[in-house]
């Protein structure tokens, strides 16, 4: 599904600017009835995050919008030890196998990487 998966081209651009720790901010808009699929996706991905040394710094639902008019249902902020670790996760067959749950759950998503 377009827009819900990290493409190989985007990943290569992300890796080309160097390595080092990275913080990912993931904003999620759930489909109607998608909460259960998103919960199952989280359960499937949690051990993979640990495998690659990622740490979830914050996860939760918004309280209120202060700037902007976009609505998101969930935000997850995670820190990875390196861009290479993130790339390894995204390419992991178990992570790829969880994609149908993500597609079932999400209407839209944004994923931003910051030097961490």
PDB file of N, CA and C in Angstrom:
ATOM      1  N   UNK A   1       0.849  -1.177   0.000  1.00  0.00           N
ATOM      2  CA  UNK A   1       0.000   0.000   0.000  1.00  0.00           C
ATOM      3  C   UNK A   1       0.894   1.238   0.000  1.00  0.00           C
ATOM      4  N   UNK A   2       0.687   2.101  -0.935  1.00  0.00           N
ATOM      5  CA  UNK A   2       1.500   3.305  -1.067  1.00  0.00           C
ATOM      6  C   UNK A   2       1.321   4.203   0.145  1.00  0.00           C
ATOM      7  N   UNK A   3       2.414   4.781   0.584  1.00  0.00           N
ATOM      8  CA  UNK A   3       2.359   5.735   1.668  1.00  0.00           C
ATOM      9  C   UNK A   3       2.458   5.144   3.056  1.00  0.00           C
ATOM     10  N   UNK A   4       2.386   3.840   3.198  1.00  0.00           N
ATOM     11  CA  UNK A   4       2.459   3.222   4.519  1.00  0.00           C
ATOM     12  C   UNK A   4       3.707   2.367   4.697  1.00  0.00           C
ATOM     13  N   UNK A   5       4.538   2.306   3.696  1.00  0.00           N
ATOM     14  CA  UNK A   5       5.752   1.498   3.768  1.00  0.00           C
ATOM     15  C   UNK A   5       6.964   2.353   3.421  1.00  0.00           C
ATOM     16  N   UNK A   6       8.085   2.059   4.062  1.00  0.00           N
ATOM     17  CA  UNK A   6       9.344   2.716   3.725  1.00  0.00           C
ATOM     18  C   UNK A   6       9.842   2.089   2.428  1.00  0.00           C
ATOM     19  N   UNK A   7      10.015   2.900   1.394  1.00  0.00           N
ATOM     20  CA  UNK A   7      10.514   2.364   0.131  1.00  0.00           C
ATOM     21  C   UNK A   7      12.029   2.192   0.204  1.00  0.00           C
ATOM     22  N   UNK A   8      12.541   1.335  -0.628  1.00  0.00           N
ATOM     23  CA  UNK A   8      13.991   1.127  -0.681  1.00  0.00           C
ATOM     24  C   UNK A   8      14.693   2.416  -1.086  1.00  0.00           C
ATOM     25  N   UNK A   9      14.090   3.183  -1.981  1.00  0.00           N
ATOM     26  CA  UNK A   9      14.691   4.453  -2.414  1.00  0.00           C
ATOM     27  C   UNK A   9      14.774   5.446  -1.255  1.00  0.00           C
ATOM     28  N   UNK A  10      13.700   5.560  -0.478  1.00  0.00           N
ATOM     29  CA  UNK A  10      13.700   6.463   0.679  1.00  0.00           C
ATOM     30  C   UNK A  10      14.721   6.012   1.710  1.00  0.00           C
ATOM     31  N   UNK A  11      14.820   4.709   1.904  1.00  0.00           N
ATOM     32  CA  UNK A  11      15.788   4.177   2.864  1.00  0.00           C
ATOM     33  C   UNK A  11      17.212   4.459   2.413  1.00  0.00           C
ATOM     34  N   UNK A  12      17.497   4.290   1.145  1.00  0.00           N
ATOM     35  CA  UNK A  12      18.841   4.570   0.626  1.00  0.00           C
ATOM     36  C   UNK A  12      19.198   6.049   0.784  1.00  0.00           C
ATOM     37  N   UNK A  13      18.243   6.952   0.518  1.00  0.00           N
ATOM     38  CA  UNK A  13      18.489   8.387   0.728  1.00  0.00           C
ATOM     39  C   UNK A  13      18.767   8.671   2.200  1.00  0.00           C
ATOM     40  N   UNK A  14      18.026   8.030   3.076  1.00  0.00           N
ATOM     41  CA  UNK A  14      18.180   8.194   4.512  1.00  0.00           C
ATOM     42  C   UNK A  14      19.559   7.726   4.972  1.00  0.00           C
ATOM     43  N   UNK A  15      20.025   6.619   4.425  1.00  0.00           N
ATOM     44  CA  UNK A  15      21.329   6.064   4.799  1.00  0.00           C
ATOM     45  C   UNK A  15      22.485   6.857   4.192  1.00  0.00           C
ATOM     46  N   UNK A  16      22.253   7.515   3.078  1.00  0.00           N
ATOM     47  CA  UNK A  16      23.326   8.206   2.358  1.00  0.00           C
ATOM     48  C   UNK A  16      23.865   9.420   3.101  1.00  0.00           C
ATOM     49  N   UNK A  17      23.124   9.936   4.040  1.00  0.00           N
ATOM     50  CA  UNK A  17      23.576  11.145   4.743  1.00  0.00           C
ATOM     51  C   UNK A  17      24.386  10.836   5.996  1.00  0.00           C
ATOM     52  N   UNK A  18      24.730   9.585   6.196  1.00  0.00           N
ATOM     53  CA  UNK A  18      25.583   9.217   7.324  1.00  0.00           C
ATOM     54  C   UNK A  18      24.919   8.202   8.227  1.00  0.00           C
ATOM     55  N   UNK A  19      25.643   7.908   9.297  1.00  0.00           N
ATOM     56  CA  UNK A  19      25.127   6.954  10.271  1.00  0.00           C
ATOM     57  C   UNK A  19      25.121   7.633  11.625  1.00  0.00           C
ATOM     58  N   UNK A  20      24.813   6.913  12.636  1.00  0.00           N
ATOM     59  CA  UNK A  20      24.720   7.466  13.968  1.00  0.00           C
ATOM     60  C   UNK A  20      23.310   7.298  14.492  1.00  0.00           C
ATOM     61  N   UNK A  21      23.106   7.603  15.764  1.00  0.00           N
ATOM     62  CA  UNK A  21      21.777   7.442  16.358  1.00  0.00           C
ATOM     63  C   UNK A  21      20.735   8.275  15.624  1.00  0.00           C
ATOM     64  N   UNK A  22      19.517   7.772  15.621  1.00  0.00           N
ATOM     65  CA  UNK A  22      18.415   8.465  14.952  1.00  0.00           C
ATOM     66  C   UNK A  22      17.154   8.308  15.796  1.00  0.00           C
ATOM     67  N   UNK A  23      16.377   9.378  15.839  1.00  0.00           N
ATOM     68  CA  UNK A  23      15.080   9.366  16.514  1.00  0.00           C
ATOM     69  C   UNK A  23      14.003   9.438  15.447  1.00  0.00           C
ATOM     70  N   UNK A  24      13.063   8.511  15.502  1.00  0.00           N
ATOM     71  CA  UNK A  24      11.954   8.486  14.551  1.00  0.00           C
ATOM     72  C   UNK A  24      10.684   8.952  15.248  1.00  0.00           C
ATOM     73  N   UNK A  25       9.993   9.881  14.597  1.00  0.00           N
ATOM     74  CA  UNK A  25       8.687  10.336  15.052  1.00  0.00           C
ATOM     75  C   UNK A  25       7.671   9.793  14.062  1.00  0.00           C
ATOM     76  N   UNK A  26       6.769   8.976  14.567  1.00  0.00           N
ATOM     77  CA  UNK A  26       5.774   8.307  13.734  1.00  0.00           C
ATOM     78  C   UNK A  26       4.395   8.818  14.139  1.00  0.00           C
ATOM     79  N   UNK A  27       3.703   9.467  13.210  1.00  0.00           N
ATOM     80  CA  UNK A  27       2.334   9.921  13.435  1.00  0.00           C
ATOM     81  C   UNK A  27       1.395   9.006  12.665  1.00  0.00           C
ATOM     82  N   UNK A  28       0.343   8.563  13.322  1.00  0.00           N
ATOM     83  CA  UNK A  28      -0.531   7.539  12.771  1.00  0.00           C
ATOM     84  C   UNK A  28      -1.984   8.014  12.796  1.00  0.00           C
ATOM     85  N   UNK A  29      -2.658   7.831  11.676  1.00  0.00           N
ATOM     86  CA  UNK A  29      -4.108   8.011  11.626  1.00  0.00           C
ATOM     87  C   UNK A  29      -4.709   6.638  11.365  1.00  0.00           C
ATOM     88  N   UNK A  30      -5.521   6.186  12.294  1.00  0.00           N
ATOM     89  CA  UNK A  30      -6.094   4.848  12.205  1.00  0.00           C
ATOM     90  C   UNK A  30      -7.349   4.831  11.343  1.00  0.00           C
ATOM     91  N   UNK A  31      -7.532   3.720  10.663  1.00  0.00           N
ATOM     92  CA  UNK A  31      -8.794   3.483   9.954  1.00  0.00           C
ATOM     93  C   UNK A  31      -9.884   3.274  11.008  1.00  0.00           C
ATOM     94  N   UNK A  32     -11.121   3.509  10.625  1.00  0.00           N
ATOM     95  CA  UNK A  32     -12.211   3.181  11.531  1.00  0.00           C
ATOM     96  C   UNK A  32     -12.144   1.688  11.829  1.00  0.00           C
ATOM     97  N   UNK A  33     -12.138   1.341  13.092  1.00  0.00           N
ATOM     98  CA  UNK A  33     -12.037  -0.057  13.497  1.00  0.00           C
ATOM     99  C   UNK A  33     -10.620  -0.613  13.436  1.00  0.00           C
ATOM    100  N   UNK A  34      -9.609   0.251  13.249  1.00  0.00           N
ATOM    101  CA  UNK A  34      -8.235  -0.222  13.088  1.00  0.00           C
ATOM    102  C   UNK A  34      -7.433  -0.369  14.368  1.00  0.00           C
ATOM    103  N   UNK A  35      -8.004  -0.021  15.512  1.00  0.00           N
ATOM    104  CA  UNK A  35      -7.231  -0.067  16.765  1.00  0.00           C
ATOM    105  C   UNK A  35      -6.726  -1.468  17.106  1.00  0.00           C
ATOM    106  N   UNK A  36      -7.559  -2.479  16.911  1.00  0.00           N
ATOM    107  CA  UNK A  36      -7.132  -3.837  17.244  1.00  0.00           C
ATOM    108  C   UNK A  36      -5.982  -4.287  16.348  1.00  0.00           C
ATOM    109  N   UNK A  37      -6.074  -3.989  15.056  1.00  0.00           N
ATOM    110  CA  UNK A  37      -4.989  -4.355  14.132  1.00  0.00           C
ATOM    111  C   UNK A  37      -3.706  -3.608  14.504  1.00  0.00           C
ATOM    112  N   UNK A  38      -3.839  -2.355  14.940  1.00  0.00           N
ATOM    113  CA  UNK A  38      -2.651  -1.586  15.330  1.00  0.00           C
ATOM    114  C   UNK A  38      -2.032  -2.152  16.609  1.00  0.00           C
ATOM    115  N   UNK A  39      -2.872  -2.599  17.532  1.00  0.00           N
ATOM    116  CA  UNK A  39      -2.373  -3.247  18.753  1.00  0.00           C
ATOM    117  C   UNK A  39      -1.599  -4.515  18.391  1.00  0.00           C
ATOM    118  N   UNK A  40      -2.169  -5.331  17.501  1.00  0.00           N
ATOM    119  CA  UNK A  40      -1.503  -6.565  17.081  1.00  0.00           C
ATOM    120  C   UNK A  40      -0.206  -6.265  16.333  1.00  0.00           C
ATOM    121  N   UNK A  41      -0.208  -5.201  15.533  1.00  0.00           N
ATOM    122  CA  UNK A  41       1.017  -4.782  14.842  1.00  0.00           C
ATOM    123  C   UNK A  41       2.088  -4.412  15.871  1.00  0.00           C
ATOM    124  N   UNK A  42       1.718  -3.634  16.869  1.00  0.00           N
ATOM    125  CA  UNK A  42       2.663  -3.256  17.922  1.00  0.00           C
ATOM    126  C   UNK A  42       3.234  -4.466  18.641  1.00  0.00           C
ATOM    127  N   UNK A  43       2.393  -5.436  18.920  1.00  0.00           N
ATOM    128  CA  UNK A  43       2.851  -6.662  19.581  1.00  0.00           C
ATOM    129  C   UNK A  43       3.829  -7.433  18.700  1.00  0.00           C
ATOM    130  N   UNK A  44       3.595  -7.437  17.400  1.00  0.00           N
ATOM    131  CA  UNK A  44       4.475  -8.146  16.471  1.00  0.00           C
ATOM    132  C   UNK A  44       5.817  -7.437  16.320  1.00  0.00           C
ATOM    133  N   UNK A  45       5.797  -6.106  16.341  1.00  0.00           N
ATOM    134  CA  UNK A  45       7.002  -5.322  16.070  1.00  0.00           C
ATOM    135  C   UNK A  45       7.858  -5.099  17.318  1.00  0.00           C
ATOM    136  N   UNK A  46       7.260  -5.104  18.506  1.00  0.00           N
ATOM    137  CA  UNK A  46       8.007  -4.811  19.741  1.00  0.00           C
ATOM    138  C   UNK A  46       9.279  -5.654  19.905  1.00  0.00           C
ATOM    139  N   UNK A  47       9.226  -6.973  19.727  1.00  0.00           N
ATOM    140  CA  UNK A  47      10.466  -7.742  19.880  1.00  0.00           C
ATOM    141  C   UNK A  47      11.501  -7.429  18.794  1.00  0.00           C
ATOM    142  N   UNK A  48      11.035  -7.008  17.626  1.00  0.00           N
ATOM    143  CA  UNK A  48      11.961  -6.647  16.557  1.00  0.00           C
ATOM    144  C   UNK A  48      12.678  -5.343  16.893  1.00  0.00           C
ATOM    145  N   UNK A  49      11.969  -4.396  17.473  1.00  0.00           N
ATOM    146  CA  UNK A  49      12.606  -3.151  17.905  1.00  0.00           C
ATOM    147  C   UNK A  49      13.730  -3.473  18.888  1.00  0.00           C
ATOM    148  N   UNK A  50      13.433  -4.330  19.849  1.00  0.00           N
ATOM    149  CA  UNK A  50      14.451  -4.711  20.841  1.00  0.00           C
ATOM    150  C   UNK A  50      15.635  -5.405  20.167  1.00  0.00           C
ATOM    151  N   UNK A  51      15.354  -6.255  19.194  1.00  0.00           N
ATOM    152  CA  UNK A  51      16.414  -6.976  18.481  1.00  0.00           C
ATOM    153  C   UNK A  51      17.421  -6.005  17.858  1.00  0.00           C
ATOM    154  N   UNK A  52      16.935  -4.870  17.368  1.00  0.00           N
ATOM    155  CA  UNK A  52      17.811  -3.908  16.684  1.00  0.00           C
ATOM    156  C   UNK A  52      18.220  -2.746  17.575  1.00  0.00           C
ATOM    157  N   UNK A  53      17.973  -2.873  18.872  1.00  0.00           N
ATOM    158  CA  UNK A  53      18.450  -1.876  19.822  1.00  0.00           C
ATOM    159  C   UNK A  53      17.620  -0.615  19.885  1.00  0.00           C
ATOM    160  N   UNK A  54      16.413  -0.646  19.344  1.00  0.00           N
ATOM    161  CA  UNK A  54      15.552   0.530  19.383  1.00  0.00           C
ATOM    162  C   UNK A  54      14.875   0.634  20.739  1.00  0.00           C
ATOM    163  N   UNK A  55      14.611   1.862  21.130  1.00  0.00           N
ATOM    164  CA  UNK A  55      13.938   2.132  22.395  1.00  0.00           C
ATOM    165  C   UNK A  55      12.778   3.085  22.123  1.00  0.00           C
ATOM    166  N   UNK A  56      11.578   2.687  22.530  1.00  0.00           N
ATOM    167  CA  UNK A  56      10.428   3.583  22.407  1.00  0.00           C
ATOM    168  C   UNK A  56      10.523   4.599  23.534  1.00  0.00           C
ATOM    169  N   UNK A  57      10.640   5.868  23.162  1.00  0.00           N
ATOM    170  CA  UNK A  57      10.758   6.939  24.139  1.00  0.00           C
ATOM    171  C   UNK A  57       9.396   7.439  24.597  1.00  0.00           C
ATOM    172  N   UNK A  58       8.434   7.426  23.682  1.00  0.00           N
ATOM    173  CA  UNK A  58       7.081   7.903  23.997  1.00  0.00           C
ATOM    174  C   UNK A  58       6.108   7.308  23.007  1.00  0.00           C
ATOM    175  N   UNK A  59       4.949   6.930  23.494  1.00  0.00           N
ATOM    176  CA  UNK A  59       3.865   6.466  22.632  1.00  0.00           C
ATOM    177  C   UNK A  59       2.556   6.870  23.287  1.00  0.00           C
ATOM    178  N   UNK A  60       1.664   7.423  22.507  1.00  0.00           N
ATOM    179  CA  UNK A  60       0.386   7.786  23.087  1.00  0.00           C
ATOM    180  C   UNK A  60      -0.521   8.499  22.116  1.00  0.00           C
ATOM    181  N   UNK A  61      -1.703   8.818  22.623  1.00  0.00           N
ATOM    182  CA  UNK A  61      -2.710   9.522  21.849  1.00  0.00           C
ATOM    183  C   UNK A  61      -2.647  11.004  22.171  1.00  0.00           C
ATOM    184  N   UNK A  62      -3.010  11.858  21.221  1.00  0.00           N
ATOM    185  CA  UNK A  62      -2.933  13.299  21.458  1.00  0.00           C
ATOM    186  C   UNK A  62      -3.978  13.777  22.459  1.00  0.00           C
ATOM    187  N   UNK A  63      -3.633  14.860  23.139  1.00  0.00           N
ATOM    188  CA  UNK A  63      -4.563  15.504  24.046  1.00  0.00           C
ATOM    189  C   UNK A  63      -5.341  16.574  23.295  1.00  0.00           C
ATOM    190  N   UNK A  64      -4.609  17.402  22.523  1.00  0.00           N
ATOM    191  CA  UNK A  64      -5.211  18.524  21.801  1.00  0.00           C
ATOM    192  C   UNK A  64      -4.213  19.051  20.792  1.00  0.00           C
ATOM    193  N   UNK A  65      -4.706  19.595  19.681  1.00  0.00           N
ATOM    194  CA  UNK A  65      -3.856  20.233  18.683  1.00  0.00           C
ATOM    195  C   UNK A  65      -3.570  21.664  19.120  1.00  0.00           C
ATOM    196  N   UNK A  66      -2.295  22.064  19.082  1.00  0.00           N
ATOM    197  CA  UNK A  66      -1.921  23.425  19.415  1.00  0.00           C
ATOM    198  C   UNK A  66      -1.590  24.246  18.172  1.00  0.00           C
ATOM    199  N   UNK A  67      -1.002  23.614  17.174  1.00  0.00           N
ATOM    200  CA  UNK A  67      -0.687  24.260  15.903  1.00  0.00           C
ATOM    201  C   UNK A  67      -1.061  23.287  14.796  1.00  0.00           C
ATOM    202  N   UNK A  68      -1.675  23.807  13.744  1.00  0.00           N
ATOM    203  CA  UNK A  68      -2.020  22.962  12.606  1.00  0.00           C
ATOM    204  C   UNK A  68      -3.431  22.426  12.704  1.00  0.00           C
ATOM    205  N   UNK A  69      -3.860  21.823  11.603  1.00  0.00           N
ATOM    206  CA  UNK A  69      -5.222  21.319  11.560  1.00  0.00           C
ATOM    207  C   UNK A  69      -5.301  19.847  11.163  1.00  0.00           C
ATOM    208  N   UNK A  70      -4.163  19.159  11.170  1.00  0.00           N
ATOM    209  CA  UNK A  70      -4.184  17.726  10.881  1.00  0.00           C
ATOM    210  C   UNK A  70      -4.495  16.961  12.154  1.00  0.00           C
ATOM    211  N   UNK A  71      -5.207  15.876  12.005  1.00  0.00           N
ATOM    212  CA  UNK A  71      -5.554  15.046  13.153  1.00  0.00           C
ATOM    213  C   UNK A  71      -4.836  13.708  13.047  1.00  0.00           C
ATOM    214  N   UNK A  72      -4.150  13.343  14.122  1.00  0.00           N
ATOM    215  CA  UNK A  72      -3.459  12.064  14.219  1.00  0.00           C
ATOM    216  C   UNK A  72      -3.969  11.349  15.457  1.00  0.00           C
ATOM    217  N   UNK A  73      -4.032  10.035  15.389  1.00  0.00           N
ATOM    218  CA  UNK A  73      -4.567   9.248  16.492  1.00  0.00           C
ATOM    219  C   UNK A  73      -3.510   8.781  17.477  1.00  0.00           C
ATOM    220  N   UNK A  74      -2.297   8.554  16.981  1.00  0.00           N
ATOM    221  CA  UNK A  74      -1.224   8.019  17.813  1.00  0.00           C
ATOM    222  C   UNK A  74       0.096   8.625  17.366  1.00  0.00           C
ATOM    223  N   UNK A  75       0.958   8.881  18.335  1.00  0.00           N
ATOM    224  CA  UNK A  75       2.342   9.276  18.045  1.00  0.00           C
ATOM    225  C   UNK A  75       3.263   8.294  18.755  1.00  0.00           C
ATOM    226  N   UNK A  76       4.299   7.869  18.049  1.00  0.00           N
ATOM    227  CA  UNK A  76       5.322   7.005  18.639  1.00  0.00           C
ATOM    228  C   UNK A  76       6.672   7.636  18.324  1.00  0.00           C
ATOM    229  N   UNK A  77       7.479   7.826  19.365  1.00  0.00           N
ATOM    230  CA  UNK A  77       8.832   8.361  19.208  1.00  0.00           C
ATOM    231  C   UNK A  77       9.784   7.268  19.671  1.00  0.00           C
ATOM    232  N   UNK A  78      10.674   6.854  18.772  1.00  0.00           N
ATOM    233  CA  UNK A  78      11.616   5.771  19.087  1.00  0.00           C
ATOM    234  C   UNK A  78      13.028   6.199  18.708  1.00  0.00           C
ATOM    235  N   UNK A  79      13.992   5.748  19.480  1.00  0.00           N
ATOM    236  CA  UNK A  79      15.409   6.034  19.214  1.00  0.00           C
ATOM    237  C   UNK A  79      16.090   4.743  18.792  1.00  0.00           C
ATOM    238  N   UNK A  80      16.836   4.829  17.690  1.00  0.00           N
ATOM    239  CA  UNK A  80      17.609   3.706  17.165  1.00  0.00           C
ATOM    240  C   UNK A  80      19.081   4.011  17.364  1.00  0.00           C
ATOM    241  N   UNK A  81      19.893   3.000  17.633  1.00  0.00           N
ATOM    242  CA  UNK A  81      21.320   3.251  17.864  1.00  0.00           C
ATOM    243  C   UNK A  81      22.052   3.750  16.626  1.00  0.00           C
ATOM    244  N   UNK A  82      21.479   3.474  15.444  1.00  0.00           N
ATOM    245  CA  UNK A  82      22.117   3.908  14.203  1.00  0.00           C
ATOM    246  C   UNK A  82      21.096   3.838  13.071  1.00  0.00           C
ATOM    247  N   UNK A  83      21.405   4.546  12.000  1.00  0.00           N
ATOM    248  CA  UNK A  83      20.561   4.451  10.807  1.00  0.00           C
ATOM    249  C   UNK A  83      20.615   3.028  10.250  1.00  0.00           C
ATOM    250  N   UNK A  84      21.782   2.392  10.364  1.00  0.00           N
ATOM    251  CA  UNK A  84      21.926   1.015   9.876  1.00  0.00           C
ATOM    252  C   UNK A  84      21.000   0.064  10.633  1.00  0.00           C
ATOM    253  N   UNK A  85      20.839   0.277  11.934  1.00  0.00           N
ATOM    254  CA  UNK A  85      19.930  -0.560  12.723  1.00  0.00           C
ATOM    255  C   UNK A  85      18.495  -0.396  12.239  1.00  0.00           C
ATOM    256  N   UNK A  86      18.103   0.840  11.955  1.00  0.00           N
ATOM    257  CA  UNK A  86      16.765   1.079  11.427  1.00  0.00           C
ATOM    258  C   UNK A  86      16.600   0.393  10.076  1.00  0.00           C
ATOM    259  N   UNK A  87      17.588   0.513   9.217  1.00  0.00           N
ATOM    260  CA  UNK A  87      17.521  -0.126   7.900  1.00  0.00           C
ATOM    261  C   UNK A  87      17.398  -1.642   8.042  1.00  0.00           C
ATOM    262  N   UNK A  88      18.140  -2.208   8.980  1.00  0.00           N
ATOM    263  CA  UNK A  88      18.068  -3.658   9.193  1.00  0.00           C
ATOM    264  C   UNK A  88      16.669  -4.063   9.650  1.00  0.00           C
ATOM    265  N   UNK A  89      16.066  -3.275  10.516  1.00  0.00           N
ATOM    266  CA  UNK A  89      14.697  -3.554  10.959  1.00  0.00           C
ATOM    267  C   UNK A  89      13.733  -3.508   9.776  1.00  0.00           C
ATOM    268  N   UNK A  90      13.797  -2.445   9.001  1.00  0.00           N
ATOM    269  CA  UNK A  90      12.864  -2.256   7.889  1.00  0.00           C
ATOM    270  C   UNK A  90      12.997  -3.373   6.853  1.00  0.00           C
ATOM    271  N   UNK A  91      14.173  -3.951   6.745  1.00  0.00           N
ATOM    272  CA  UNK A  91      14.413  -5.024   5.771  1.00  0.00           C
ATOM    273  C   UNK A  91      14.213  -6.421   6.362  1.00  0.00           C
ATOM    274  N   UNK A  92      13.980  -6.506   7.659  1.00  0.00           N
ATOM    275  CA  UNK A  92      13.834  -7.795   8.337  1.00  0.00           C
ATOM    276  C   UNK A  92      12.569  -8.507   7.832  1.00  0.00           C
ATOM    277  N   UNK A  93      12.689  -9.786   7.455  1.00  0.00           N
ATOM    278  CA  UNK A  93      11.518 -10.514   6.954  1.00  0.00           C
ATOM    279  C   UNK A  93      10.349 -10.554   7.944  1.00  0.00           C
ATOM    280  N   UNK A  94      10.630 -10.590   9.237  1.00  0.00           N
ATOM    281  CA  UNK A  94       9.551 -10.594  10.225  1.00  0.00           C
ATOM    282  C   UNK A  94       8.830  -9.242  10.240  1.00  0.00           C
ATOM    283  N   UNK A  95       9.586  -8.163  10.080  1.00  0.00           N
ATOM    284  CA  UNK A  95       8.978  -6.833  10.005  1.00  0.00           C
ATOM    285  C   UNK A  95       8.117  -6.735   8.753  1.00  0.00           C
ATOM    286  N   UNK A  96       8.643  -7.191   7.633  1.00  0.00           N
ATOM    287  CA  UNK A  96       7.896  -7.172   6.381  1.00  0.00           C
ATOM    288  C   UNK A  96       6.623  -8.010   6.482  1.00  0.00           C
ATOM    289  N   UNK A  97       6.692  -9.106   7.227  1.00  0.00           N
ATOM    290  CA  UNK A  97       5.525  -9.972   7.393  1.00  0.00           C
ATOM    291  C   UNK A  97       4.427  -9.297   8.217  1.00  0.00           C
ATOM    292  N   UNK A  98       4.791  -8.312   9.039  1.00  0.00           N
ATOM    293  CA  UNK A  98       3.804  -7.599   9.854  1.00  0.00           C
ATOM    294  C   UNK A  98       3.105  -6.485   9.078  1.00  0.00           C
ATOM    295  N   UNK A  99       3.575  -6.175   7.879  1.00  0.00           N
ATOM    296  CA  UNK A  99       3.013  -5.074   7.086  1.00  0.00           C
ATOM    297  C   UNK A  99       1.503  -5.190   6.862  1.00  0.00           C
ATOM    298  N   UNK A 100       0.943  -6.371   6.618  1.00  0.00           N
ATOM    299  CA  UNK A 100      -0.511  -6.435   6.429  1.00  0.00           C
ATOM    300  C   UNK A 100      -1.301  -5.910   7.636  1.00  0.00           C
ATOM    301  N   UNK A 101      -0.789  -6.120   8.841  1.00  0.00           N
ATOM    302  CA  UNK A 101      -1.465  -5.570  10.025  1.00  0.00           C
ATOM    303  C   UNK A 101      -1.403  -4.047  10.018  1.00  0.00           C
ATOM    304  N   UNK A 102      -0.260  -3.495   9.641  1.00  0.00           N
ATOM    305  CA  UNK A 102      -0.115  -2.035   9.549  1.00  0.00           C
ATOM    306  C   UNK A 102      -1.080  -1.487   8.501  1.00  0.00           C
ATOM    307  N   UNK A 103      -1.166  -2.150   7.373  1.00  0.00           N
ATOM    308  CA  UNK A 103      -2.064  -1.705   6.305  1.00  0.00           C
ATOM    309  C   UNK A 103      -3.527  -1.788   6.739  1.00  0.00           C
ATOM    310  N   UNK A 104      -3.858  -2.833   7.490  1.00  0.00           N
ATOM    311  CA  UNK A 104      -5.221  -2.984   7.998  1.00  0.00           C
ATOM    312  C   UNK A 104      -5.566  -1.878   8.992  1.00  0.00           C
ATOM    313  N   UNK A 105      -4.583  -1.457   9.771  1.00  0.00           N
ATOM    314  CA  UNK A 105      -4.818  -0.503  10.852  1.00  0.00           C
ATOM    315  C   UNK A 105      -4.803   0.949  10.406  1.00  0.00           C
ATOM    316  N   UNK A 106      -3.904   1.309   9.506  1.00  0.00           N
ATOM    317  CA  UNK A 106      -3.635   2.713   9.220  1.00  0.00           C
ATOM    318  C   UNK A 106      -4.388   3.247   8.019  1.00  0.00           C
ATOM    319  N   UNK A 107      -4.911   4.442   8.195  1.00  0.00           N
ATOM    320  CA  UNK A 107      -5.427   5.230   7.086  1.00  0.00           C
ATOM    321  C   UNK A 107      -4.293   6.057   6.491  1.00  0.00           C
ATOM    322  N   UNK A 108      -3.419   6.583   7.368  1.00  0.00           N
ATOM    323  CA  UNK A 108      -2.296   7.413   6.928  1.00  0.00           C
ATOM    324  C   UNK A 108      -1.225   7.387   8.006  1.00  0.00           C
ATOM    325  N   UNK A 109      -0.022   7.755   7.591  1.00  0.00           N
ATOM    326  CA  UNK A 109       1.072   7.850   8.549  1.00  0.00           C
ATOM    327  C   UNK A 109       2.152   8.777   8.044  1.00  0.00           C
ATOM    328  N   UNK A 110       2.872   9.365   8.976  1.00  0.00           N
ATOM    329  CA  UNK A 110       4.053  10.170   8.671  1.00  0.00           C
ATOM    330  C   UNK A 110       5.192   9.622   9.517  1.00  0.00           C
ATOM    331  N   UNK A 111       6.363   9.536   8.914  1.00  0.00           N
ATOM    332  CA  UNK A 111       7.531   9.017   9.624  1.00  0.00           C
ATOM    333  C   UNK A 111       8.684   9.964   9.364  1.00  0.00           C
ATOM    334  N   UNK A 112       9.131  10.621  10.414  1.00  0.00           N
ATOM    335  CA  UNK A 112      10.227  11.592  10.326  1.00  0.00           C
ATOM    336  C   UNK A 112      11.418  11.065  11.089  1.00  0.00           C
ATOM    337  N   UNK A 113      12.597  11.179  10.497  1.00  0.00           N
ATOM    338  CA  UNK A 113      13.837  10.806  11.162  1.00  0.00           C
ATOM    339  C   UNK A 113      14.635  12.038  11.521  1.00  0.00           C
ATOM    340  N   UNK A 114      15.164  12.060  12.732  1.00  0.00           N
ATOM    341  CA  UNK A 114      15.982  13.165  13.229  1.00  0.00           C
ATOM    342  C   UNK A 114      17.284  12.606  13.781  1.00  0.00           C
ATOM    343  N   UNK A 115      18.379  13.345  13.610  1.00  0.00           N
ATOM    344  CA  UNK A 115      19.617  12.918  14.236  1.00  0.00           C
ATOM    345  C   UNK A 115      19.370  12.787  15.729  1.00  0.00           C
ATOM    346  N   UNK A 116      19.879  11.689  16.281  1.00  0.00           N
ATOM    347  CA  UNK A 116      19.575  11.447  17.679  1.00  0.00           C
ATOM    348  C   UNK A 116      20.747  11.217  18.526  1.00  0.00           C
TER     349      UNK A 116
END
